[in-house]
Amino acid sequence: MQTLSFELRGEFITLDRLLKATGIAPSGGAAKALVAEGRVQVDGRDELRKTAKLRAGQVVALTGVRITLLSPEADAPPG
């Protein structure tokens, strides 16, 4: 299983945008289809809301991939 970490840029990201941003889905439409087909889990539970808000600490899983959401780096140097 492939394990990814995704650092948030703000407070949350929607599920469909996460799937597109990580390259799991090639487009927003494909991401929404994955969710609608019931192929995505959030924190171990099936998630059917395409625009579910995901926050740091949550784990998204689908066949062969697990994505852990990380909080934005508060101590990152400006730049």
C-alpha atoms as a PDB file:
ATOM      1  CA  MET A   1       0.000   0.000   0.000  1.00  0.00           C
ATOM      2  CA  GLN A   2       1.276   3.454  -0.931  1.00  0.00           C
ATOM      3  CA  THR A   3       1.358   5.902   1.986  1.00  0.00           C
ATOM      4  CA  LEU A   4       1.268   9.647   1.373  1.00  0.00           C
ATOM      5  CA  SER A   5       1.398  12.671   3.636  1.00  0.00           C
ATOM      6  CA  PHE A   6      -0.370  15.845   2.579  1.00  0.00           C
ATOM      7  CA  GLU A   7       0.311  19.154   4.307  1.00  0.00           C
ATOM      8  CA  LEU A   8      -2.696  21.433   4.444  1.00  0.00           C
ATOM      9  CA  ARG A   9      -2.308  25.042   3.364  1.00  0.00           C
ATOM     10  CA  GLY A  10      -5.255  26.210   5.423  1.00  0.00           C
ATOM     11  CA  GLU A  11      -7.705  24.855   7.973  1.00  0.00           C
ATOM     12  CA  PHE A  12      -9.168  22.178   5.672  1.00  0.00           C
ATOM     13  CA  ILE A  13      -9.348  20.736   2.151  1.00  0.00           C
ATOM     14  CA  THR A  14     -12.350  19.118   0.517  1.00  0.00           C
ATOM     15  CA  LEU A  15     -12.172  15.423  -0.284  1.00  0.00           C
ATOM     16  CA  ASP A  16     -12.482  15.845  -4.045  1.00  0.00           C
ATOM     17  CA  ARG A  17      -9.717  18.475  -4.095  1.00  0.00           C
ATOM     18  CA  LEU A  18      -7.437  16.258  -2.008  1.00  0.00           C
ATOM     19  CA  LEU A  19      -7.817  13.354  -4.429  1.00  0.00           C
ATOM     20  CA  LYS A  20      -6.983  15.645  -7.346  1.00  0.00           C
ATOM     21  CA  ALA A  21      -4.090  17.419  -5.548  1.00  0.00           C
ATOM     22  CA  THR A  22      -2.396  14.126  -4.650  1.00  0.00           C
ATOM     23  CA  GLY A  23      -2.761  12.792  -8.190  1.00  0.00           C
ATOM     24  CA  ILE A  24      -5.032   9.944  -7.121  1.00  0.00           C
ATOM     25  CA  ALA A  25      -7.656  11.314  -9.509  1.00  0.00           C
ATOM     26  CA  PRO A  26      -6.670  13.006 -12.789  1.00  0.00           C
ATOM     27  CA  SER A  27      -9.532  15.520 -12.569  1.00  0.00           C
ATOM     28  CA  GLY A  28     -12.146  16.892 -10.215  1.00  0.00           C
ATOM     29  CA  GLY A  29     -14.822  14.901 -12.023  1.00  0.00           C
ATOM     30  CA  ALA A  30     -12.866  11.681 -11.604  1.00  0.00           C
ATOM     31  CA  ALA A  31     -12.352  12.459  -7.899  1.00  0.00           C
ATOM     32  CA  LYS A  32     -16.090  13.001  -7.407  1.00  0.00           C
ATOM     33  CA  ALA A  33     -16.810   9.728  -9.230  1.00  0.00           C
ATOM     34  CA  LEU A  34     -14.469   7.793  -6.897  1.00  0.00           C
ATOM     35  CA  VAL A  35     -16.330   9.170  -3.896  1.00  0.00           C
ATOM     36  CA  ALA A  36     -19.793   8.600  -5.418  1.00  0.00           C
ATOM     37  CA  GLU A  37     -18.861   4.970  -6.152  1.00  0.00           C
ATOM     38  CA  GLY A  38     -18.136   4.424  -2.446  1.00  0.00           C
ATOM     39  CA  ARG A  39     -14.449   3.706  -3.009  1.00  0.00           C
ATOM     40  CA  VAL A  40     -13.112   6.231  -0.470  1.00  0.00           C
ATOM     41  CA  GLN A  41     -12.901   5.982   3.309  1.00  0.00           C
ATOM     42  CA  VAL A  42     -12.126   8.724   5.824  1.00  0.00           C
ATOM     43  CA  ASP A  43     -10.925   7.588   9.237  1.00  0.00           C
ATOM     44  CA  GLY A  44     -12.017   4.031   8.467  1.00  0.00           C
ATOM     45  CA  ARG A  45     -15.582   4.891   7.422  1.00  0.00           C
ATOM     46  CA  ASP A  46     -17.078   5.051   3.949  1.00  0.00           C
ATOM     47  CA  GLU A  47     -17.387   8.677   2.835  1.00  0.00           C
ATOM     48  CA  LEU A  48     -19.956   9.616   0.193  1.00  0.00           C
ATOM     49  CA  ARG A  49     -19.781  13.407   0.572  1.00  0.00           C
ATOM     50  CA  LYS A  50     -17.658  14.622  -2.328  1.00  0.00           C
ATOM     51  CA  THR A  51     -16.884  17.932  -0.637  1.00  0.00           C
ATOM     52  CA  ALA A  52     -16.413  16.644   2.920  1.00  0.00           C
ATOM     53  CA  LYS A  53     -14.063  18.995   4.781  1.00  0.00           C
ATOM     54  CA  LEU A  54     -10.913  17.199   5.859  1.00  0.00           C
ATOM     55  CA  ARG A  55      -8.637  18.483   8.599  1.00  0.00           C
ATOM     56  CA  ALA A  56      -5.209  17.669  10.003  1.00  0.00           C
ATOM     57  CA  GLY A  57      -4.956  14.254  11.611  1.00  0.00           C
ATOM     58  CA  GLN A  58      -7.531  12.592   9.398  1.00  0.00           C
ATOM     59  CA  VAL A  59      -6.657   9.617   7.194  1.00  0.00           C
ATOM     60  CA  VAL A  60      -8.133   9.030   3.736  1.00  0.00           C
ATOM     61  CA  ALA A  61      -7.906   5.568   2.204  1.00  0.00           C
ATOM     62  CA  LEU A  62      -8.841   3.930  -1.058  1.00  0.00           C
ATOM     63  CA  THR A  63      -7.596   0.889  -2.909  1.00  0.00           C
ATOM     64  CA  GLY A  64      -3.825   0.784  -2.533  1.00  0.00           C
ATOM     65  CA  VAL A  65      -3.406   4.307  -1.110  1.00  0.00           C
ATOM     66  CA  ARG A  66      -3.500   5.875   2.355  1.00  0.00           C
ATOM     67  CA  ILE A  67      -3.215   9.663   2.776  1.00  0.00           C
ATOM     68  CA  THR A  68      -2.508  11.289   6.142  1.00  0.00           C
ATOM     69  CA  LEU A  69      -3.375  14.971   6.472  1.00  0.00           C
ATOM     70  CA  LEU A  70      -0.819  17.145   8.256  1.00  0.00           C
ATOM     71  CA  SER A  71      -1.351  20.583   9.739  1.00  0.00           C
ATOM     72  CA  PRO A  72       0.330  23.542   8.019  1.00  0.00           C
ATOM     73  CA  GLU A  73       3.907  24.103   9.147  1.00  0.00           C
ATOM     74  CA  ALA A  74       3.504  26.978  11.606  1.00  0.00           C
ATOM     75  CA  ASP A  75       7.250  27.479  11.981  1.00  0.00           C
ATOM     76  CA  ALA A  76       8.047  27.583   8.278  1.00  0.00           C
ATOM     77  CA  PRO A  77      10.327  30.466   7.350  1.00  0.00           C
ATOM     78  CA  PRO A  78       8.702  33.216   5.294  1.00  0.00           C
ATOM     79  CA  GLY A  79       9.381  33.041   1.789  1.00  0.00           C
END
